[in-house]
PDB file of N, CA and C in Angstrom:
ATOM      1  N   UNK A   1      71.203  99.405  74.476  1.00  0.00           N
ATOM      2  CA  UNK A   1      71.171 100.478  75.544  1.00  0.00           C
ATOM      3  C   UNK A   1      71.850 100.405  76.479  1.00  0.00           C
ATOM      4  N   UNK A   2      71.520  98.970  77.000  1.00  0.00           N
ATOM      5  CA  UNK A   2      72.482  98.727  78.666  1.00  0.00           C
ATOM      6  C   UNK A   2      74.237  99.628  78.218  1.00  0.00           C
ATOM      7  N   UNK A   3      74.393  99.277  76.863  1.00  0.00           N
ATOM      8  CA  UNK A   3      75.560  99.510  76.613  1.00  0.00           C
ATOM      9  C   UNK A   3      76.392 100.995  76.996  1.00  0.00           C
ATOM     10  N   UNK A   4      75.415 101.556  76.458  1.00  0.00           N
ATOM     11  CA  UNK A   4      75.916 103.142  76.318  1.00  0.00           C
ATOM     12  C   UNK A   4      75.275 103.942  77.482  1.00  0.00           C
ATOM     13  N   UNK A   5      74.558 103.110  78.565  1.00  0.00           N
ATOM     14  CA  UNK A   5      74.584 103.610  79.813  1.00  0.00           C
ATOM     15  C   UNK A   5      75.855 103.623  80.590  1.00  0.00           C
ATOM     16  N   UNK A   6      76.110 102.389  80.441  1.00  0.00           N
ATOM     17  CA  UNK A   6      77.316 101.884  80.987  1.00  0.00           C
ATOM     18  C   UNK A   6      78.590 102.540  80.531  1.00  0.00           C
ATOM     19  N   UNK A   7      78.661 103.336  79.435  1.00  0.00           N
ATOM     20  CA  UNK A   7      79.620 103.896  78.931  1.00  0.00           C
ATOM     21  C   UNK A   7      79.425 104.849  79.438  1.00  0.00           C
ATOM     22  N   UNK A   8      78.438 105.698  79.181  1.00  0.00           N
ATOM     23  CA  UNK A   8      78.335 107.014  79.772  1.00  0.00           C
ATOM     24  C   UNK A   8      78.442 107.376  81.306  1.00  0.00           C
ATOM     25  N   UNK A   9      78.333 106.237  82.101  1.00  0.00           N
ATOM     26  CA  UNK A   9      78.120 106.144  83.347  1.00  0.00           C
ATOM     27  C   UNK A   9      79.586 105.921  83.807  1.00  0.00           C
ATOM     28  N   UNK A  10      80.829 105.515  83.246  1.00  0.00           N
ATOM     29  CA  UNK A  10      81.858 105.433  83.194  1.00  0.00           C
ATOM     30  C   UNK A  10      82.441 106.529  82.724  1.00  0.00           C
ATOM     31  N   UNK A  11      82.294 107.176  82.097  1.00  0.00           N
ATOM     32  CA  UNK A  11      82.800 108.645  81.498  1.00  0.00           C
ATOM     33  C   UNK A  11      82.214 109.532  82.691  1.00  0.00           C
ATOM     34  N   UNK A  12      81.396 109.741  82.770  1.00  0.00           N
ATOM     35  CA  UNK A  12      80.982 110.364  84.217  1.00  0.00           C
ATOM     36  C   UNK A  12      81.602 110.305  85.468  1.00  0.00           C
ATOM     37  N   UNK A  13      82.033 109.394  85.798  1.00  0.00           N
ATOM     38  CA  UNK A  13      82.490 108.953  87.046  1.00  0.00           C
ATOM     39  C   UNK A  13      83.731 109.169  86.880  1.00  0.00           C
ATOM     40  N   UNK A  14      84.363 108.540  85.772  1.00  0.00           N
ATOM     41  CA  UNK A  14      86.226 108.655  85.479  1.00  0.00           C
ATOM     42  C   UNK A  14      86.888 110.418  85.389  1.00  0.00           C
ATOM     43  N   UNK A  15      85.810 111.197  84.528  1.00  0.00           N
ATOM     44  CA  UNK A  15      85.845 112.540  84.625  1.00  0.00           C
ATOM     45  C   UNK A  15      85.440 113.135  85.819  1.00  0.00           C
ATOM     46  N   UNK A  16      85.102 113.052  86.710  1.00  0.00           N
ATOM     47  CA  UNK A  16      84.726 112.966  88.403  1.00  0.00           C
ATOM     48  C   UNK A  16      85.693 112.904  88.928  1.00  0.00           C
ATOM     49  N   UNK A  17      86.537 111.968  88.977  1.00  0.00           N
ATOM     50  CA  UNK A  17      87.346 111.517  89.306  1.00  0.00           C
ATOM     51  C   UNK A  17      89.134 112.252  89.555  1.00  0.00           C
ATOM     52  N   UNK A  18      89.291 112.888  87.778  1.00  0.00           N
ATOM     53  CA  UNK A  18      90.011 113.101  87.490  1.00  0.00           C
ATOM     54  C   UNK A  18      89.956 114.558  87.826  1.00  0.00           C
ATOM     55  N   UNK A  19      89.330 115.044  87.808  1.00  0.00           N
ATOM     56  CA  UNK A  19      88.698 116.092  87.937  1.00  0.00           C
ATOM     57  C   UNK A  19      89.037 116.403  89.517  1.00  0.00           C
ATOM     58  N   UNK A  20      88.536 115.636  90.134  1.00  0.00           N
ATOM     59  CA  UNK A  20      89.035 115.786  92.269  1.00  0.00           C
ATOM     60  C   UNK A  20      90.811 115.591  92.408  1.00  0.00           C
ATOM     61  N   UNK A  21      91.499 115.303  91.490  1.00  0.00           N
ATOM     62  CA  UNK A  21      92.441 114.311  91.898  1.00  0.00           C
ATOM     63  C   UNK A  21      93.653 115.970  90.912  1.00  0.00           C
ATOM     64  N   UNK A  22      92.978 116.514  90.120  1.00  0.00           N
ATOM     65  CA  UNK A  22      93.612 117.672  89.439  1.00  0.00           C
ATOM     66  C   UNK A  22      94.046 118.601  90.686  1.00  0.00           C
ATOM     67  N   UNK A  23      95.159 118.926  91.145  1.00  0.00           N
ATOM     68  CA  UNK A  23      95.981 120.554  91.451  1.00  0.00           C
ATOM     69  C   UNK A  23      95.188 121.103  91.180  1.00  0.00           C
ATOM     70  N   UNK A  24      94.898 122.502  92.040  1.00  0.00           N
ATOM     71  CA  UNK A  24      94.322 123.940  92.102  1.00  0.00           C
ATOM     72  C   UNK A  24      95.345 124.855  92.358  1.00  0.00           C
ATOM     73  N   UNK A  25      95.551 125.894  91.653  1.00  0.00           N
ATOM     74  CA  UNK A  25      96.501 127.348  92.064  1.00  0.00           C
ATOM     75  C   UNK A  25      95.984 128.029  92.864  1.00  0.00           C
ATOM     76  N   UNK A  26      94.599 127.783  93.266  1.00  0.00           N
ATOM     77  CA  UNK A  26      94.205 128.713  94.429  1.00  0.00           C
ATOM     78  C   UNK A  26      94.368 127.978  96.178  1.00  0.00           C
ATOM     79  N   UNK A  27      94.558 128.855  96.790  1.00  0.00           N
ATOM     80  CA  UNK A  27      94.515 128.500  97.865  1.00  0.00           C
ATOM     81  C   UNK A  27      95.222 126.873  98.087  1.00  0.00           C
ATOM     82  N   UNK A  28      96.804 127.055  97.175  1.00  0.00           N
ATOM     83  CA  UNK A  28      97.358 125.739  97.815  1.00  0.00           C
ATOM     84  C   UNK A  28      97.995 126.276  99.089  1.00  0.00           C
ATOM     85  N   UNK A  29      98.046 124.762  99.771  1.00  0.00           N
ATOM     86  CA  UNK A  29      98.894 124.813 100.995  1.00  0.00           C
ATOM     87  C   UNK A  29     100.231 123.752 101.105  1.00  0.00           C
ATOM     88  N   UNK A  30     101.044 124.552 101.720  1.00  0.00           N
ATOM     89  CA  UNK A  30     102.555 123.491 101.171  1.00  0.00           C
ATOM     90  C   UNK A  30     102.241 122.117 101.919  1.00  0.00           C
ATOM     91  N   UNK A  31     102.807 121.482 101.791  1.00  0.00           N
ATOM     92  CA  UNK A  31     102.820 119.829 102.597  1.00  0.00           C
ATOM     93  C   UNK A  31     104.039 119.826 102.932  1.00  0.00           C
ATOM     94  N   UNK A  32     105.498 120.213 102.774  1.00  0.00           N
ATOM     95  CA  UNK A  32     106.334 120.446 103.249  1.00  0.00           C
ATOM     96  C   UNK A  32     106.517 121.634 104.668  1.00  0.00           C
ATOM     97  N   UNK A  33     106.820 121.668 105.735  1.00  0.00           N
ATOM     98  CA  UNK A  33     107.145 122.538 105.948  1.00  0.00           C
ATOM     99  C   UNK A  33     108.499 123.244 105.749  1.00  0.00           C
ATOM    100  N   UNK A  34     108.216 124.250 106.696  1.00  0.00           N
ATOM    101  CA  UNK A  34     109.506 125.218 106.970  1.00  0.00           C
ATOM    102  C   UNK A  34     110.558 124.834 107.055  1.00  0.00           C
ATOM    103  N   UNK A  35     110.498 124.260 108.475  1.00  0.00           N
ATOM    104  CA  UNK A  35     112.024 123.164 108.893  1.00  0.00           C
ATOM    105  C   UNK A  35     112.028 122.388 108.011  1.00  0.00           C
ATOM    106  N   UNK A  36     111.246 121.296 107.304  1.00  0.00           N
ATOM    107  CA  UNK A  36     111.622 120.193 106.705  1.00  0.00           C
ATOM    108  C   UNK A  36     112.218 120.900 105.302  1.00  0.00           C
ATOM    109  N   UNK A  37     112.016 122.244 104.804  1.00  0.00           N
ATOM    110  CA  UNK A  37     112.682 122.683 103.171  1.00  0.00           C
ATOM    111  C   UNK A  37     114.186 123.418 104.294  1.00  0.00           C
ATOM    112  N   UNK A  38     113.904 123.702 105.139  1.00  0.00           N
ATOM    113  CA  UNK A  38     115.563 124.627 105.771  1.00  0.00           C
ATOM    114  C   UNK A  38     116.619 123.590 105.217  1.00  0.00           C
ATOM    115  N   UNK A  39     116.074 122.427 106.096  1.00  0.00           N
ATOM    116  CA  UNK A  39     116.808 121.094 105.941  1.00  0.00           C
ATOM    117  C   UNK A  39     117.104 120.237 104.368  1.00  0.00           C
ATOM    118  N   UNK A  40     116.585 120.095 103.832  1.00  0.00           N
ATOM    119  CA  UNK A  40     117.123 120.023 102.294  1.00  0.00           C
ATOM    120  C   UNK A  40     117.760 120.946 101.834  1.00  0.00           C
ATOM    121  N   UNK A  41     117.188 122.207 101.965  1.00  0.00           N
ATOM    122  CA  UNK A  41     117.997 123.246 101.012  1.00  0.00           C
ATOM    123  C   UNK A  41     119.623 123.788 101.807  1.00  0.00           C
ATOM    124  N   UNK A  42     119.813 123.052 103.401  1.00  0.00           N
ATOM    125  CA  UNK A  42     121.286 123.421 104.081  1.00  0.00           C
ATOM    126  C   UNK A  42     121.679 121.786 103.221  1.00  0.00           C
ATOM    127  N   UNK A  43     121.563 121.007 102.905  1.00  0.00           N
ATOM    128  CA  UNK A  43     121.778 119.376 102.355  1.00  0.00           C
ATOM    129  C   UNK A  43     122.630 119.879 101.480  1.00  0.00           C
ATOM    130  N   UNK A  44     121.540 120.569 100.486  1.00  0.00           N
ATOM    131  CA  UNK A  44     121.915 121.046  98.725  1.00  0.00           C
ATOM    132  C   UNK A  44     122.934 121.923  99.355  1.00  0.00           C
ATOM    133  N   UNK A  45     123.426 122.853  99.882  1.00  0.00           N
ATOM    134  CA  UNK A  45     124.169 123.579 100.014  1.00  0.00           C
ATOM    135  C   UNK A  45     124.186 124.475 101.526  1.00  0.00           C
ATOM    136  N   UNK A  46     125.389 123.441 101.806  1.00  0.00           N
ATOM    137  CA  UNK A  46     126.056 124.076 103.580  1.00  0.00           C
ATOM    138  C   UNK A  46     125.918 125.290 103.818  1.00  0.00           C
ATOM    139  N   UNK A  47     125.403 125.998 104.837  1.00  0.00           N
ATOM    140  CA  UNK A  47     125.945 127.763 105.202  1.00  0.00           C
ATOM    141  C   UNK A  47     125.531 128.017 105.699  1.00  0.00           C
ATOM    142  N   UNK A  48     124.779 129.182 105.967  1.00  0.00           N
ATOM    143  CA  UNK A  48     124.449 130.299 106.879  1.00  0.00           C
ATOM    144  C   UNK A  48     123.428 130.671 105.970  1.00  0.00           C
ATOM    145  N   UNK A  49     121.526 130.486 106.409  1.00  0.00           N
ATOM    146  CA  UNK A  49     120.506 131.003 105.537  1.00  0.00           C
ATOM    147  C   UNK A  49     120.201 132.427 106.007  1.00  0.00           C
ATOM    148  N   UNK A  50     120.288 133.601 105.239  1.00  0.00           N
ATOM    149  CA  UNK A  50     120.279 134.556 105.701  1.00  0.00           C
ATOM    150  C   UNK A  50     118.486 135.393 105.357  1.00  0.00           C
ATOM    151  N   UNK A  51     118.218 134.859 104.272  1.00  0.00           N
ATOM    152  CA  UNK A  51     116.684 134.902 104.142  1.00  0.00           C
ATOM    153  C   UNK A  51     116.172 133.867 103.344  1.00  0.00           C
ATOM    154  N   UNK A  52     115.016 133.743 103.886  1.00  0.00           N
ATOM    155  CA  UNK A  52     113.530 133.118 103.651  1.00  0.00           C
ATOM    156  C   UNK A  52     112.581 133.028 103.161  1.00  0.00           C
ATOM    157  N   UNK A  53     111.632 132.874 102.585  1.00  0.00           N
ATOM    158  CA  UNK A  53     110.523 132.936 102.016  1.00  0.00           C
ATOM    159  C   UNK A  53     109.457 131.973 101.594  1.00  0.00           C
ATOM    160  N   UNK A  54     108.217 132.074 101.408  1.00  0.00           N
ATOM    161  CA  UNK A  54     107.148 131.058 100.481  1.00  0.00           C
ATOM    162  C   UNK A  54     106.828 132.000 100.026  1.00  0.00           C
ATOM    163  N   UNK A  55     107.044 131.479  98.646  1.00  0.00           N
ATOM    164  CA  UNK A  55     106.396 132.183  97.100  1.00  0.00           C
ATOM    165  C   UNK A  55     105.885 131.514  96.285  1.00  0.00           C
ATOM    166  N   UNK A  56     104.789 131.989  95.536  1.00  0.00           N
ATOM    167  CA  UNK A  56     104.546 131.407  94.319  1.00  0.00           C
ATOM    168  C   UNK A  56     105.284 131.756  93.290  1.00  0.00           C
ATOM    169  N   UNK A  57     105.637 130.685  92.115  1.00  0.00           N
ATOM    170  CA  UNK A  57     107.085 131.163  90.918  1.00  0.00           C
ATOM    171  C   UNK A  57     106.467 130.621  90.257  1.00  0.00           C
ATOM    172  N   UNK A  58     107.184 130.465  89.256  1.00  0.00           N
ATOM    173  CA  UNK A  58     106.895 128.788  88.101  1.00  0.00           C
ATOM    174  C   UNK A  58     107.703 128.172  88.347  1.00  0.00           C
ATOM    175  N   UNK A  59     107.359 126.830  88.111  1.00  0.00           N
ATOM    176  CA  UNK A  59     107.982 125.486  87.850  1.00  0.00           C
ATOM    177  C   UNK A  59     107.495 124.715  89.362  1.00  0.00           C
ATOM    178  N   UNK A  60     107.944 123.544  88.945  1.00  0.00           N
ATOM    179  CA  UNK A  60     107.257 122.622  89.878  1.00  0.00           C
ATOM    180  C   UNK A  60     105.886 122.924  90.212  1.00  0.00           C
ATOM    181  N   UNK A  61     105.220 122.786  91.381  1.00  0.00           N
ATOM    182  CA  UNK A  61     104.341 123.248  91.834  1.00  0.00           C
ATOM    183  C   UNK A  61     103.648 124.373  91.578  1.00  0.00           C
ATOM    184  N   UNK A  62     104.435 125.129  91.604  1.00  0.00           N
ATOM    185  CA  UNK A  62     104.412 126.996  91.873  1.00  0.00           C
ATOM    186  C   UNK A  62     104.157 127.444  93.423  1.00  0.00           C
ATOM    187  N   UNK A  63     104.805 126.567  93.768  1.00  0.00           N
ATOM    188  CA  UNK A  63     104.528 126.931  95.554  1.00  0.00           C
ATOM    189  C   UNK A  63     106.261 126.594  95.989  1.00  0.00           C
ATOM    190  N   UNK A  64     106.690 127.896  96.519  1.00  0.00           N
ATOM    191  CA  UNK A  64     108.454 126.754  96.856  1.00  0.00           C
ATOM    192  C   UNK A  64     108.569 128.168  97.912  1.00  0.00           C
ATOM    193  N   UNK A  65     109.959 127.407  98.318  1.00  0.00           N
ATOM    194  CA  UNK A  65     110.432 127.622  99.729  1.00  0.00           C
ATOM    195  C   UNK A  65     112.021 128.453  99.366  1.00  0.00           C
ATOM    196  N   UNK A  66     112.085 129.580  99.492  1.00  0.00           N
ATOM    197  CA  UNK A  66     113.192 129.860  98.429  1.00  0.00           C
ATOM    198  C   UNK A  66     114.324 130.464  99.764  1.00  0.00           C
ATOM    199  N   UNK A  67     116.123 130.058  99.333  1.00  0.00           N
ATOM    200  CA  UNK A  67     116.276 130.221 100.649  1.00  0.00           C
ATOM    201  C   UNK A  67     117.686 131.276 100.225  1.00  0.00           C
ATOM    202  N   UNK A  68     118.407 132.196 100.606  1.00  0.00           N
ATOM    203  CA  UNK A  68     119.164 132.789 100.306  1.00  0.00           C
ATOM    204  C   UNK A  68     120.171 132.183 101.391  1.00  0.00           C
ATOM    205  N   UNK A  69     121.669 131.130 100.977  1.00  0.00           N
ATOM    206  CA  UNK A  69     122.859 130.948 101.919  1.00  0.00           C
ATOM    207  C   UNK A  69     123.815 130.859 101.536  1.00  0.00           C
ATOM    208  N   UNK A  70     124.551 131.763 102.909  1.00  0.00           N
ATOM    209  CA  UNK A  70     125.971 131.867 102.416  1.00  0.00           C
ATOM    210  C   UNK A  70     126.898 131.721 103.159  1.00  0.00           C
ATOM    211  N   UNK A  71     127.848 131.030 101.916  1.00  0.00           N
ATOM    212  CA  UNK A  71     129.455 130.268 102.652  1.00  0.00           C
ATOM    213  C   UNK A  71     129.921 130.477 101.670  1.00  0.00           C
ATOM    214  N   UNK A  72     131.500 130.812 102.201  1.00  0.00           N
ATOM    215  CA  UNK A  72     132.432 130.888 101.956  1.00  0.00           C
ATOM    216  C   UNK A  72     132.729 132.022 101.254  1.00  0.00           C
ATOM    217  N   UNK A  73     131.545 133.171 101.606  1.00  0.00           N
ATOM    218  CA  UNK A  73     131.293 134.791 100.780  1.00  0.00           C
ATOM    219  C   UNK A  73     130.445 134.604  99.644  1.00  0.00           C
ATOM    220  N   UNK A  74     129.855 133.675  99.419  1.00  0.00           N
ATOM    221  CA  UNK A  74     128.979 133.483  98.102  1.00  0.00           C
ATOM    222  C   UNK A  74     127.630 133.302  98.508  1.00  0.00           C
ATOM    223  N   UNK A  75     126.540 133.623  97.800  1.00  0.00           N
ATOM    224  CA  UNK A  75     125.576 133.450  98.256  1.00  0.00           C
ATOM    225  C   UNK A  75     124.260 132.768  97.057  1.00  0.00           C
ATOM    226  N   UNK A  76     124.199 131.826  98.134  1.00  0.00           N
ATOM    227  CA  UNK A  76     123.475 130.824  96.999  1.00  0.00           C
ATOM    228  C   UNK A  76     122.016 130.898  97.253  1.00  0.00           C
ATOM    229  N   UNK A  77     121.492 130.525  95.908  1.00  0.00           N
ATOM    230  CA  UNK A  77     119.753 130.743  96.242  1.00  0.00           C
ATOM    231  C   UNK A  77     119.153 129.454  95.948  1.00  0.00           C
ATOM    232  N   UNK A  78     118.592 129.123  97.277  1.00  0.00           N
ATOM    233  CA  UNK A  78     117.917 127.348  97.252  1.00  0.00           C
ATOM    234  C   UNK A  78     116.394 127.444  96.678  1.00  0.00           C
ATOM    235  N   UNK A  79     116.134 127.135  95.986  1.00  0.00           N
ATOM    236  CA  UNK A  79     114.322 127.016  96.392  1.00  0.00           C
ATOM    237  C   UNK A  79     114.046 125.093  96.057  1.00  0.00           C
ATOM    238  N   UNK A  80     113.055 125.580  97.327  1.00  0.00           N
ATOM    239  CA  UNK A  80     112.627 124.004  97.627  1.00  0.00           C
ATOM    240  C   UNK A  80     111.082 123.705  96.882  1.00  0.00           C
ATOM    241  N   UNK A  81     110.490 122.815  96.750  1.00  0.00           N
ATOM    242  CA  UNK A  81     109.063 123.163  96.427  1.00  0.00           C
ATOM    243  C   UNK A  81     108.454 122.835  97.519  1.00  0.00           C
ATOM    244  N   UNK A  82     107.187 123.663  97.953  1.00  0.00           N
ATOM    245  CA  UNK A  82     106.602 123.240  99.468  1.00  0.00           C
ATOM    246  C   UNK A  82     105.550 121.840  98.923  1.00  0.00           C
ATOM    247  N   UNK A  83     105.695 121.557  97.692  1.00  0.00           N
ATOM    248  CA  UNK A  83     104.336 120.098  98.045  1.00  0.00           C
ATOM    249  C   UNK A  83     105.247 119.326  97.721  1.00  0.00           C
ATOM    250  N   UNK A  84     106.239 118.804  97.328  1.00  0.00           N
ATOM    251  CA  UNK A  84     106.917 117.221  97.562  1.00  0.00           C
ATOM    252  C   UNK A  84     108.620 117.696  98.265  1.00  0.00           C
ATOM    253  N   UNK A  85     109.152 118.631  98.380  1.00  0.00           N
ATOM    254  CA  UNK A  85     110.431 118.875  98.828  1.00  0.00           C
ATOM    255  C   UNK A  85     111.375 118.715  97.469  1.00  0.00           C
ATOM    256  N   UNK A  86     111.342 118.732  96.860  1.00  0.00           N
ATOM    257  CA  UNK A  86     112.213 118.452  95.195  1.00  0.00           C
ATOM    258  C   UNK A  86     112.944 119.952  95.426  1.00  0.00           C
ATOM    259  N   UNK A  87     114.193 119.640  95.080  1.00  0.00           N
ATOM    260  CA  UNK A  87     114.898 120.913  94.763  1.00  0.00           C
ATOM    261  C   UNK A  87     114.989 121.239  93.454  1.00  0.00           C
ATOM    262  N   UNK A  88     114.526 123.016  93.196  1.00  0.00           N
ATOM    263  CA  UNK A  88     113.914 123.491  92.332  1.00  0.00           C
ATOM    264  C   UNK A  88     114.921 124.172  91.274  1.00  0.00           C
ATOM    265  N   UNK A  89     115.772 124.609  92.435  1.00  0.00           N
ATOM    266  CA  UNK A  89     117.011 125.493  91.997  1.00  0.00           C
ATOM    267  C   UNK A  89     118.252 125.536  93.040  1.00  0.00           C
ATOM    268  N   UNK A  90     119.541 125.498  92.438  1.00  0.00           N
ATOM    269  CA  UNK A  90     120.528 125.797  93.251  1.00  0.00           C
ATOM    270  C   UNK A  90     121.258 126.545  92.701  1.00  0.00           C
ATOM    271  N   UNK A  91     121.815 127.774  92.942  1.00  0.00           N
ATOM    272  CA  UNK A  91     122.746 128.711  92.301  1.00  0.00           C
ATOM    273  C   UNK A  91     123.316 129.493  92.702  1.00  0.00           C
ATOM    274  N   UNK A  92     123.995 130.505  91.962  1.00  0.00           N
ATOM    275  CA  UNK A  92     124.733 131.499  93.093  1.00  0.00           C
ATOM    276  C   UNK A  92     123.896 132.385  92.638  1.00  0.00           C
ATOM    277  N   UNK A  93     123.402 133.640  94.094  1.00  0.00           N
ATOM    278  CA  UNK A  93     122.673 134.480  93.661  1.00  0.00           C
ATOM    279  C   UNK A  93     122.748 135.809  93.709  1.00  0.00           C
ATOM    280  N   UNK A  94     122.670 136.788  92.327  1.00  0.00           N
ATOM    281  CA  UNK A  94     123.395 137.792  92.138  1.00  0.00           C
ATOM    282  C   UNK A  94     122.495 138.952  92.154  1.00  0.00           C
ATOM    283  N   UNK A  95     121.112 138.484  92.757  1.00  0.00           N
ATOM    284  CA  UNK A  95     120.429 139.678  92.792  1.00  0.00           C
ATOM    285  C   UNK A  95     121.027 140.641  93.999  1.00  0.00           C
ATOM    286  N   UNK A  96     121.339 141.597  93.843  1.00  0.00           N
ATOM    287  CA  UNK A  96     121.784 142.777  95.107  1.00  0.00           C
ATOM    288  C   UNK A  96     120.785 143.302  95.924  1.00  0.00           C
ATOM    289  N   UNK A  97     119.946 142.940  96.014  1.00  0.00           N
ATOM    290  CA  UNK A  97     118.375 143.707  97.147  1.00  0.00           C
ATOM    291  C   UNK A  97     118.837 143.321  98.524  1.00  0.00           C
TER     292      UNK A  97
END
């Protein structure tokens, strides 16, 4: 009986700890500032930032900074994860908006 109680309480507390550590999609706030993300983006593709935004998008944590960076007549889109600063995208921007 004592082992069963120990097992049940371990399971309950372990599950609660796991649930508390799991990320949520609602109310996410960036851990990386826009300034830090700009620095990361410009190290990835040096140039002049022409557009920047914080957006929800698939990949990484789901929250990213997106930068359009112009250099030598080419615009690159660089995506930086707003939670950990990882570069998620570095590609030529073909979007003509």
